[in-house]
Amino acid sequence: MSPGSIVSHFEGIAYGLAGAMAGRRSDRVQAVIAARREARTLDRVATVAEAMSRDRQEIGDLRAENALLRDELATMRARAVRAEAMAIRDSRQP
């Protein structure tokens, strides 16, 4: 084997190894990119879930407040009806 062919042989091996290493590096980079993308997606999902939980809590609080206000309004209406009935009764008495 001539010295040129030996050098050429080892250069081929070196290029092959470099290509294989670059391919593995590329696979790792792609895996890291995919993991980061997945983490961002999970962060977004968690953020939305937290917001939905807060919204549900706020809706529950508003419903409770609405029920109290509805009861208060019913009480006020009942008082107004009683007051009107008493006024009518008093106006009919001599």
PDB file of N, CA and C in Angstrom:
ATOM      1  N   MET A   1       0.837  -1.163   0.000  1.00  0.00           N
ATOM      2  CA  MET A   1       0.000   0.000   0.000  1.00  0.00           C
ATOM      3  C   MET A   1       0.889   1.236   0.000  1.00  0.00           C
ATOM      4  N   SER A   2       0.523   2.171  -0.798  1.00  0.00           N
ATOM      5  CA  SER A   2       1.350   3.375  -0.892  1.00  0.00           C
ATOM      6  C   SER A   2       1.011   4.318   0.252  1.00  0.00           C
ATOM      7  N   PRO A   3       1.976   5.181   0.599  1.00  0.00           N
ATOM      8  CA  PRO A   3       1.702   6.125   1.685  1.00  0.00           C
ATOM      9  C   PRO A   3       0.486   7.002   1.395  1.00  0.00           C
ATOM     10  N   GLY A   4       0.255   7.381   0.158  1.00  0.00           N
ATOM     11  CA  GLY A   4      -0.901   8.216  -0.191  1.00  0.00           C
ATOM     12  C   GLY A   4      -2.213   7.494   0.048  1.00  0.00           C
ATOM     13  N   SER A   5      -2.231   6.193  -0.261  1.00  0.00           N
ATOM     14  CA  SER A   5      -3.474   5.451  -0.068  1.00  0.00           C
ATOM     15  C   SER A   5      -3.742   5.209   1.415  1.00  0.00           C
ATOM     16  N   ILE A   6      -2.670   5.054   2.211  1.00  0.00           N
ATOM     17  CA  ILE A   6      -2.840   4.883   3.661  1.00  0.00           C
ATOM     18  C   ILE A   6      -3.419   6.164   4.259  1.00  0.00           C
ATOM     19  N   VAL A   7      -2.851   7.311   3.850  1.00  0.00           N
ATOM     20  CA  VAL A   7      -3.354   8.603   4.342  1.00  0.00           C
ATOM     21  C   VAL A   7      -4.808   8.784   3.915  1.00  0.00           C
ATOM     22  N   SER A   8      -5.094   8.447   2.680  1.00  0.00           N
ATOM     23  CA  SER A   8      -6.451   8.577   2.155  1.00  0.00           C
ATOM     24  C   SER A   8      -7.414   7.682   2.933  1.00  0.00           C
ATOM     25  N   HIS A   9      -6.942   6.478   3.271  1.00  0.00           N
ATOM     26  CA  HIS A   9      -7.762   5.540   4.030  1.00  0.00           C
ATOM     27  C   HIS A   9      -8.113   6.133   5.398  1.00  0.00           C
ATOM     28  N   PHE A  10      -7.105   6.651   6.111  1.00  0.00           N
ATOM     29  CA  PHE A  10      -7.347   7.218   7.438  1.00  0.00           C
ATOM     30  C   PHE A  10      -8.151   8.513   7.376  1.00  0.00           C
ATOM     31  N   GLU A  11      -7.975   9.281   6.304  1.00  0.00           N
ATOM     32  CA  GLU A  11      -8.799  10.479   6.134  1.00  0.00           C
ATOM     33  C   GLU A  11     -10.266  10.087   5.986  1.00  0.00           C
ATOM     34  N   GLY A  12     -10.500   9.024   5.235  1.00  0.00           N
ATOM     35  CA  GLY A  12     -11.876   8.528   5.070  1.00  0.00           C
ATOM     36  C   GLY A  12     -12.478   8.108   6.394  1.00  0.00           C
ATOM     37  N   ILE A  13     -11.670   7.415   7.199  1.00  0.00           N
ATOM     38  CA  ILE A  13     -12.136   6.998   8.526  1.00  0.00           C
ATOM     39  C   ILE A  13     -12.442   8.227   9.382  1.00  0.00           C
ATOM     40  N   ALA A  14     -11.531   9.218   9.338  1.00  0.00           N
ATOM     41  CA  ALA A  14     -11.725  10.432  10.134  1.00  0.00           C
ATOM     42  C   ALA A  14     -13.002  11.168   9.713  1.00  0.00           C
ATOM     43  N   TYR A  15     -13.208  11.303   8.398  1.00  0.00           N
ATOM     44  CA  TYR A  15     -14.423  11.977   7.921  1.00  0.00           C
ATOM     45  C   TYR A  15     -15.681  11.198   8.319  1.00  0.00           C
ATOM     46  N   GLY A  16     -15.588   9.887   8.250  1.00  0.00           N
ATOM     47  CA  GLY A  16     -16.729   9.051   8.642  1.00  0.00           C
ATOM     48  C   GLY A  16     -17.072   9.218  10.111  1.00  0.00           C
ATOM     49  N   LEU A  17     -16.022   9.213  10.961  1.00  0.00           N
ATOM     50  CA  LEU A  17     -16.247   9.407  12.396  1.00  0.00           C
ATOM     51  C   LEU A  17     -16.804  10.796  12.681  1.00  0.00           C
ATOM     52  N   ALA A  18     -16.257  11.804  11.998  1.00  0.00           N
ATOM     53  CA  ALA A  18     -16.742  13.178  12.193  1.00  0.00           C
ATOM     54  C   ALA A  18     -18.212  13.285  11.793  1.00  0.00           C
ATOM     55  N   GLY A  19     -18.571  12.655  10.698  1.00  0.00           N
ATOM     56  CA  GLY A  19     -19.970  12.670  10.259  1.00  0.00           C
ATOM     57  C   GLY A  19     -20.883  11.972  11.246  1.00  0.00           C
ATOM     58  N   ALA A  20     -20.425  10.829  11.764  1.00  0.00           N
ATOM     59  CA  ALA A  20     -21.233  10.087  12.736  1.00  0.00           C
ATOM     60  C   ALA A  20     -21.416  10.895  14.011  1.00  0.00           C
ATOM     61  N   MET A  21     -20.332  11.540  14.471  1.00  0.00           N
ATOM     62  CA  MET A  21     -20.419  12.365  15.676  1.00  0.00           C
ATOM     63  C   MET A  21     -21.341  13.553  15.450  1.00  0.00           C
ATOM     64  N   ALA A  22     -21.251  14.157  14.281  1.00  0.00           N
ATOM     65  CA  ALA A  22     -22.125  15.290  13.964  1.00  0.00           C
ATOM     66  C   ALA A  22     -23.577  14.836  13.925  1.00  0.00           C
ATOM     67  N   GLY A  23     -23.817  13.649  13.396  1.00  0.00           N
ATOM     68  CA  GLY A  23     -25.176  13.110  13.358  1.00  0.00           C
ATOM     69  C   GLY A  23     -25.722  12.890  14.750  1.00  0.00           C
ATOM     70  N   ARG A  24     -24.896  12.326  15.644  1.00  0.00           N
ATOM     71  CA  ARG A  24     -25.320  12.127  17.028  1.00  0.00           C
ATOM     72  C   ARG A  24     -25.554  13.455  17.718  1.00  0.00           C
ATOM     73  N   ARG A  25     -24.691  14.418  17.443  1.00  0.00           N
ATOM     74  CA  ARG A  25     -24.833  15.747  18.023  1.00  0.00           C
ATOM     75  C   ARG A  25     -26.135  16.373  17.538  1.00  0.00           C
ATOM     76  N   SER A  26     -26.401  16.205  16.248  1.00  0.00           N
ATOM     77  CA  SER A  26     -27.634  16.740  15.675  1.00  0.00           C
ATOM     78  C   SER A  26     -28.851  16.082  16.324  1.00  0.00           C
ATOM     79  N   ASP A  27     -28.784  14.779  16.555  1.00  0.00           N
ATOM     80  CA  ASP A  27     -29.889  14.086  17.216  1.00  0.00           C
ATOM     81  C   ASP A  27     -30.091  14.616  18.632  1.00  0.00           C
ATOM     82  N   ARG A  28     -28.977  14.848  19.337  1.00  0.00           N
ATOM     83  CA  ARG A  28     -29.080  15.385  20.697  1.00  0.00           C
ATOM     84  C   ARG A  28     -29.668  16.785  20.681  1.00  0.00           C
ATOM     85  N   VAL A  29     -29.222  17.600  19.730  1.00  0.00           N
ATOM     86  CA  VAL A  29     -29.752  18.961  19.619  1.00  0.00           C
ATOM     87  C   VAL A  29     -31.247  18.913  19.339  1.00  0.00           C
ATOM     88  N   GLN A  30     -31.661  18.047  18.442  1.00  0.00           N
ATOM     89  CA  GLN A  30     -33.088  17.916  18.133  1.00  0.00           C
ATOM     90  C   GLN A  30     -33.869  17.438  19.360  1.00  0.00           C
ATOM     91  N   ALA A  31     -33.278  16.531  20.124  1.00  0.00           N
ATOM     92  CA  ALA A  31     -33.939  16.045  21.337  1.00  0.00           C
ATOM     93  C   ALA A  31     -34.086  17.169  22.359  1.00  0.00           C
ATOM     94  N   VAL A  32     -33.042  17.985  22.502  1.00  0.00           N
ATOM     95  CA  VAL A  32     -33.103  19.120  23.434  1.00  0.00           C
ATOM     96  C   VAL A  32     -34.161  20.120  22.981  1.00  0.00           C
ATOM     97  N   ILE A  33     -34.192  20.408  21.692  1.00  0.00           N
ATOM     98  CA  ILE A  33     -35.192  21.338  21.154  1.00  0.00           C
ATOM     99  C   ILE A  33     -36.597  20.805  21.418  1.00  0.00           C
ATOM    100  N   ALA A  34     -36.801  19.514  21.171  1.00  0.00           N
ATOM    101  CA  ALA A  34     -38.118  18.911  21.399  1.00  0.00           C
ATOM    102  C   ALA A  34     -38.489  18.962  22.880  1.00  0.00           C
ATOM    103  N   ALA A  35     -37.519  18.696  23.761  1.00  0.00           N
ATOM    104  CA  ALA A  35     -37.785  18.738  25.201  1.00  0.00           C
ATOM    105  C   ALA A  35     -38.146  20.149  25.644  1.00  0.00           C
ATOM    106  N   ARG A  36     -37.439  21.136  25.126  1.00  0.00           N
ATOM    107  CA  ARG A  36     -37.748  22.528  25.480  1.00  0.00           C
ATOM    108  C   ARG A  36     -39.133  22.919  24.981  1.00  0.00           C
ATOM    109  N   ARG A  37     -39.450  22.501  23.767  1.00  0.00           N
ATOM    110  CA  ARG A  37     -40.771  22.806  23.199  1.00  0.00           C
ATOM    111  C   ARG A  37     -41.865  22.167  24.060  1.00  0.00           C
ATOM    112  N   GLU A  38     -41.629  20.921  24.467  1.00  0.00           N
ATOM    113  CA  GLU A  38     -42.600  20.224  25.311  1.00  0.00           C
ATOM    114  C   GLU A  38     -42.738  20.920  26.662  1.00  0.00           C
ATOM    115  N   ALA A  39     -41.606  21.366  27.230  1.00  0.00           N
ATOM    116  CA  ALA A  39     -41.650  22.067  28.514  1.00  0.00           C
ATOM    117  C   ALA A  39     -42.434  23.372  28.393  1.00  0.00           C
ATOM    118  N   ARG A  40     -42.223  24.112  27.292  1.00  0.00           N
ATOM    119  CA  ARG A  40     -42.976  25.357  27.091  1.00  0.00           C
ATOM    120  C   ARG A  40     -44.464  25.061  26.965  1.00  0.00           C
ATOM    121  N   THR A  41     -44.789  23.988  26.247  1.00  0.00           N
ATOM    122  CA  THR A  41     -46.194  23.608  26.093  1.00  0.00           C
ATOM    123  C   THR A  41     -46.795  23.257  27.445  1.00  0.00           C
ATOM    124  N   LEU A  42     -46.052  22.488  28.248  1.00  0.00           N
ATOM    125  CA  LEU A  42     -46.548  22.122  29.575  1.00  0.00           C
ATOM    126  C   LEU A  42     -46.697  23.350  30.461  1.00  0.00           C
ATOM    127  N   ASP A  43     -45.770  24.303  30.353  1.00  0.00           N
ATOM    128  CA  ASP A  43     -45.893  25.549  31.109  1.00  0.00           C
ATOM    129  C   ASP A  43     -47.149  26.301  30.707  1.00  0.00           C
ATOM    130  N   ARG A  44     -47.416  26.346  29.411  1.00  0.00           N
ATOM    131  CA  ARG A  44     -48.632  27.033  28.940  1.00  0.00           C
ATOM    132  C   ARG A  44     -49.877  26.330  29.457  1.00  0.00           C
ATOM    133  N   VAL A  45     -49.864  25.010  29.411  1.00  0.00           N
ATOM    134  CA  VAL A  45     -51.013  24.244  29.900  1.00  0.00           C
ATOM    135  C   VAL A  45     -51.213  24.506  31.388  1.00  0.00           C
ATOM    136  N   ALA A  46     -50.123  24.515  32.149  1.00  0.00           N
ATOM    137  CA  ALA A  46     -50.221  24.777  33.585  1.00  0.00           C
ATOM    138  C   ALA A  46     -50.746  26.183  33.844  1.00  0.00           C
ATOM    139  N   THR A  47     -50.276  27.153  33.072  1.00  0.00           N
ATOM    140  CA  THR A  47     -50.738  28.531  33.239  1.00  0.00           C
ATOM    141  C   THR A  47     -52.231  28.634  32.957  1.00  0.00           C
ATOM    142  N   VAL A  48     -52.673  27.998  31.894  1.00  0.00           N
ATOM    143  CA  VAL A  48     -54.102  28.021  31.550  1.00  0.00           C
ATOM    144  C   VAL A  48     -54.913  27.309  32.630  1.00  0.00           C
ATOM    145  N   ALA A  49     -54.410  26.191  33.130  1.00  0.00           N
ATOM    146  CA  ALA A  49     -55.120  25.446  34.175  1.00  0.00           C
ATOM    147  C   ALA A  49     -55.249  26.285  35.443  1.00  0.00           C
ATOM    148  N   GLU A  50     -54.187  27.006  35.807  1.00  0.00           N
ATOM    149  CA  GLU A  50     -54.244  27.879  36.980  1.00  0.00           C
ATOM    150  C   GLU A  50     -55.266  28.990  36.776  1.00  0.00           C
ATOM    151  N   ALA A  51     -55.272  29.583  35.599  1.00  0.00           N
ATOM    152  CA  ALA A  51     -56.231  30.652  35.302  1.00  0.00           C
ATOM    153  C   ALA A  51     -57.659  30.114  35.348  1.00  0.00           C
ATOM    154  N   MET A  52     -57.862  28.924  34.810  1.00  0.00           N
ATOM    155  CA  MET A  52     -59.202  28.330  34.839  1.00  0.00           C
ATOM    156  C   MET A  52     -59.636  28.046  36.275  1.00  0.00           C
ATOM    157  N   SER A  53     -58.708  27.604  37.101  1.00  0.00           N
ATOM    158  CA  SER A  53     -59.017  27.340  38.503  1.00  0.00           C
ATOM    159  C   SER A  53     -59.414  28.630  39.214  1.00  0.00           C
ATOM    160  N   ARG A  54     -58.658  29.701  38.961  1.00  0.00           N
ATOM    161  CA  ARG A  54     -59.007  31.004  39.557  1.00  0.00           C
ATOM    162  C   ARG A  54     -60.371  31.468  39.060  1.00  0.00           C
ATOM    163  N   ASP A  55     -60.630  31.276  37.773  1.00  0.00           N
ATOM    164  CA  ASP A  55     -61.923  31.676  37.208  1.00  0.00           C
ATOM    165  C   ASP A  55     -63.063  30.889  37.848  1.00  0.00           C
ATOM    166  N   ARG A  56     -62.859  29.582  38.035  1.00  0.00           N
ATOM    167  CA  ARG A  56     -63.895  28.765  38.679  1.00  0.00           C
ATOM    168  C   ARG A  56     -64.162  29.254  40.097  1.00  0.00           C
ATOM    169  N   GLN A  57     -63.090  29.583  40.812  1.00  0.00           N
ATOM    170  CA  GLN A  57     -63.241  30.085  42.177  1.00  0.00           C
ATOM    171  C   GLN A  57     -64.006  31.403  42.168  1.00  0.00           C
ATOM    172  N   GLU A  58     -63.648  32.290  41.259  1.00  0.00           N
ATOM    173  CA  GLU A  58     -64.325  33.584  41.162  1.00  0.00           C
ATOM    174  C   GLU A  58     -65.796  33.398  40.793  1.00  0.00           C
ATOM    175  N   ILE A  59     -66.080  32.477  39.883  1.00  0.00           N
ATOM    176  CA  ILE A  59     -67.469  32.199  39.505  1.00  0.00           C
ATOM    177  C   ILE A  59     -68.243  31.688  40.718  1.00  0.00           C
ATOM    178  N   GLY A  60     -67.641  30.807  41.491  1.00  0.00           N
ATOM    179  CA  GLY A  60     -68.291  30.305  42.706  1.00  0.00           C
ATOM    180  C   GLY A  60     -68.566  31.424  43.694  1.00  0.00           C
ATOM    181  N   ASP A  61     -67.585  32.314  43.875  1.00  0.00           N
ATOM    182  CA  ASP A  61     -67.769  33.453  44.778  1.00  0.00           C
ATOM    183  C   ASP A  61     -68.889  34.364  44.288  1.00  0.00           C
ATOM    184  N   LEU A  62     -68.922  34.624  42.982  1.00  0.00           N
ATOM    185  CA  LEU A  62     -69.968  35.482  42.419  1.00  0.00           C
ATOM    186  C   LEU A  62     -71.347  34.837  42.552  1.00  0.00           C
ATOM    187  N   ARG A  63     -71.427  33.534  42.389  1.00  0.00           N
ATOM    188  CA  ARG A  63     -72.713  32.848  42.559  1.00  0.00           C
ATOM    189  C   ARG A  63     -73.197  32.954  44.002  1.00  0.00           C
ATOM    190  N   ALA A  64     -72.273  32.799  44.947  1.00  0.00           N
ATOM    191  CA  ALA A  64     -72.645  32.921  46.358  1.00  0.00           C
ATOM    192  C   ALA A  64     -73.122  34.341  46.661  1.00  0.00           C
ATOM    193  N   GLU A  65     -72.399  35.328  46.149  1.00  0.00           N
ATOM    194  CA  GLU A  65     -72.803  36.722  46.353  1.00  0.00           C
ATOM    195  C   GLU A  65     -74.158  36.985  45.696  1.00  0.00           C
ATOM    196  N   ASN A  66     -74.374  36.432  44.512  1.00  0.00           N
ATOM    197  CA  ASN A  66     -75.644  36.592  43.807  1.00  0.00           C
ATOM    198  C   ASN A  66     -76.792  35.998  44.626  1.00  0.00           C
ATOM    199  N   ALA A  67     -76.567  34.841  45.218  1.00  0.00           N
ATOM    200  CA  ALA A  67     -77.606  34.212  46.039  1.00  0.00           C
ATOM    201  C   ALA A  67     -77.941  35.087  47.239  1.00  0.00           C
ATOM    202  N   LEU A  68     -76.923  35.650  47.884  1.00  0.00           N
ATOM    203  CA  LEU A  68     -77.172  36.544  49.022  1.00  0.00           C
ATOM    204  C   LEU A  68     -77.951  37.778  48.597  1.00  0.00           C
ATOM    205  N   LEU A  69     -77.558  38.372  47.474  1.00  0.00           N
ATOM    206  CA  LEU A  69     -78.264  39.559  46.987  1.00  0.00           C
ATOM    207  C   LEU A  69     -79.704  39.225  46.601  1.00  0.00           C
ATOM    208  N   ARG A  70     -79.906  38.061  46.022  1.00  0.00           N
ATOM    209  CA  ARG A  70     -81.260  37.640  45.653  1.00  0.00           C
ATOM    210  C   ARG A  70     -82.127  37.486  46.902  1.00  0.00           C
ATOM    211  N   ASP A  71     -81.557  36.891  47.959  1.00  0.00           N
ATOM    212  CA  ASP A  71     -82.296  36.745  49.218  1.00  0.00           C
ATOM    213  C   ASP A  71     -82.603  38.111  49.823  1.00  0.00           C
ATOM    214  N   GLU A  72     -81.625  39.001  49.786  1.00  0.00           N
ATOM    215  CA  GLU A  72     -81.822  40.347  50.327  1.00  0.00           C
ATOM    216  C   GLU A  72     -82.914  41.086  49.555  1.00  0.00           C
ATOM    217  N   LEU A  73     -82.910  40.960  48.241  1.00  0.00           N
ATOM    218  CA  LEU A  73     -83.933  41.597  47.412  1.00  0.00           C
ATOM    219  C   LEU A  73     -85.313  41.024  47.720  1.00  0.00           C
ATOM    220  N   ALA A  74     -85.400  39.717  47.892  1.00  0.00           N
ATOM    221  CA  ALA A  74     -86.684  39.094  48.232  1.00  0.00           C
ATOM    222  C   ALA A  74     -87.189  39.613  49.571  1.00  0.00           C
ATOM    223  N   THR A  75     -86.294  39.769  50.528  1.00  0.00           N
ATOM    224  CA  THR A  75     -86.672  40.309  51.836  1.00  0.00           C
ATOM    225  C   THR A  75     -87.177  41.738  51.698  1.00  0.00           C
ATOM    226  N   MET A  76     -86.465  42.544  50.910  1.00  0.00           N
ATOM    227  CA  MET A  76     -86.881  43.941  50.711  1.00  0.00           C
ATOM    228  C   MET A  76     -88.241  44.014  50.019  1.00  0.00           C
ATOM    229  N   ARG A  77     -88.467  43.159  49.040  1.00  0.00           N
ATOM    230  CA  ARG A  77     -89.763  43.147  48.350  1.00  0.00           C
ATOM    231  C   ARG A  77     -90.881  42.745  49.310  1.00  0.00           C
ATOM    232  N   ALA A  78     -90.613  41.748  50.133  1.00  0.00           N
ATOM    233  CA  ALA A  78     -91.621  41.309  51.104  1.00  0.00           C
ATOM    234  C   ALA A  78     -91.953  42.441  52.070  1.00  0.00           C
ATOM    235  N   ARG A  79     -90.953  43.160  52.527  1.00  0.00           N
ATOM    236  CA  ARG A  79     -91.195  44.309  53.414  1.00  0.00           C
ATOM    237  C   ARG A  79     -92.020  45.378  52.709  1.00  0.00           C
ATOM    238  N   ALA A  80     -91.690  45.636  51.452  1.00  0.00           N
ATOM    239  CA  ALA A  80     -92.423  46.655  50.688  1.00  0.00           C
ATOM    240  C   ALA A  80     -93.879  46.243  50.513  1.00  0.00           C
ATOM    241  N   VAL A  81     -94.121  44.972  50.224  1.00  0.00           N
ATOM    242  CA  VAL A  81     -95.497  44.486  50.066  1.00  0.00           C
ATOM    243  C   VAL A  81     -96.247  44.614  51.382  1.00  0.00           C
ATOM    244  N   ARG A  82     -95.611  44.238  52.489  1.00  0.00           N
ATOM    245  CA  ARG A  82     -96.255  44.368  53.805  1.00  0.00           C
ATOM    246  C   ARG A  82     -96.546  45.824  54.127  1.00  0.00           C
ATOM    247  N   ALA A  83     -95.584  46.698  53.839  1.00  0.00           N
ATOM    248  CA  ALA A  83     -95.789  48.128  54.114  1.00  0.00           C
ATOM    249  C   ALA A  83     -96.938  48.677  53.277  1.00  0.00           C
ATOM    250  N   GLU A  84     -97.006  48.269  52.021  1.00  0.00           N
ATOM    251  CA  GLU A  84     -98.094  48.728  51.151  1.00  0.00           C
ATOM    252  C   GLU A  84     -99.437  48.188  51.644  1.00  0.00           C
ATOM    253  N   ALA A  85     -99.455  46.928  52.053  1.00  0.00           N
ATOM    254  CA  ALA A  85    -100.693  46.342  52.577  1.00  0.00           C
ATOM    255  C   ALA A  85    -101.139  47.069  53.836  1.00  0.00           C
ATOM    256  N   MET A  86    -100.206  47.395  54.703  1.00  0.00           N
ATOM    257  CA  MET A  86    -100.549  48.127  55.927  1.00  0.00           C
ATOM    258  C   MET A  86    -101.044  49.528  55.589  1.00  0.00           C
ATOM    259  N   ALA A  87    -100.433  50.175  54.606  1.00  0.00           N
ATOM    260  CA  ALA A  87    -100.872  51.515  54.203  1.00  0.00           C
ATOM    261  C   ALA A  87    -102.286  51.466  53.645  1.00  0.00           C
ATOM    262  N   ILE A  88    -102.588  50.459  52.841  1.00  0.00           N
ATOM    263  CA  ILE A  88    -103.946  50.312  52.295  1.00  0.00           C
ATOM    264  C   ILE A  88    -104.931  50.054  53.428  1.00  0.00           C
ATOM    265  N   ARG A  89    -104.579  49.174  54.334  1.00  0.00           N
ATOM    266  CA  ARG A  89    -105.452  48.866  55.467  1.00  0.00           C
ATOM    267  C   ARG A  89    -105.702  50.108  56.313  1.00  0.00           C
ATOM    268  N   ASP A  90    -104.629  50.860  56.588  1.00  0.00           N
ATOM    269  CA  ASP A  90    -104.772  52.074  57.399  1.00  0.00           C
ATOM    270  C   ASP A  90    -105.611  53.131  56.687  1.00  0.00           C
ATOM    271  N   SER A  91    -105.503  53.187  55.362  1.00  0.00           N
ATOM    272  CA  SER A  91    -106.280  54.199  54.629  1.00  0.00           C
ATOM    273  C   SER A  91    -107.764  53.856  54.613  1.00  0.00           C
ATOM    274  N   ARG A  92    -108.139  52.611  54.802  1.00  0.00           N
ATOM    275  CA  ARG A  92    -109.541  52.202  54.797  1.00  0.00           C
ATOM    276  C   ARG A  92    -110.181  52.361  56.170  1.00  0.00           C
ATOM    277  N   GLN A  93    -109.397  52.466  57.179  1.00  0.00           N
ATOM    278  CA  GLN A  93    -109.955  52.616  58.526  1.00  0.00           C
ATOM    279  C   GLN A  93    -110.291  54.085  58.770  1.00  0.00           C
ATOM    280  N   PRO A  94    -111.429  54.300  59.392  1.00  0.00           N
ATOM    281  CA  PRO A  94    -111.815  55.697  59.658  1.00  0.00           C
ATOM    282  C   PRO A  94    -111.010  56.346  60.750  1.00  0.00           C
TER     283      PRO A  94
END
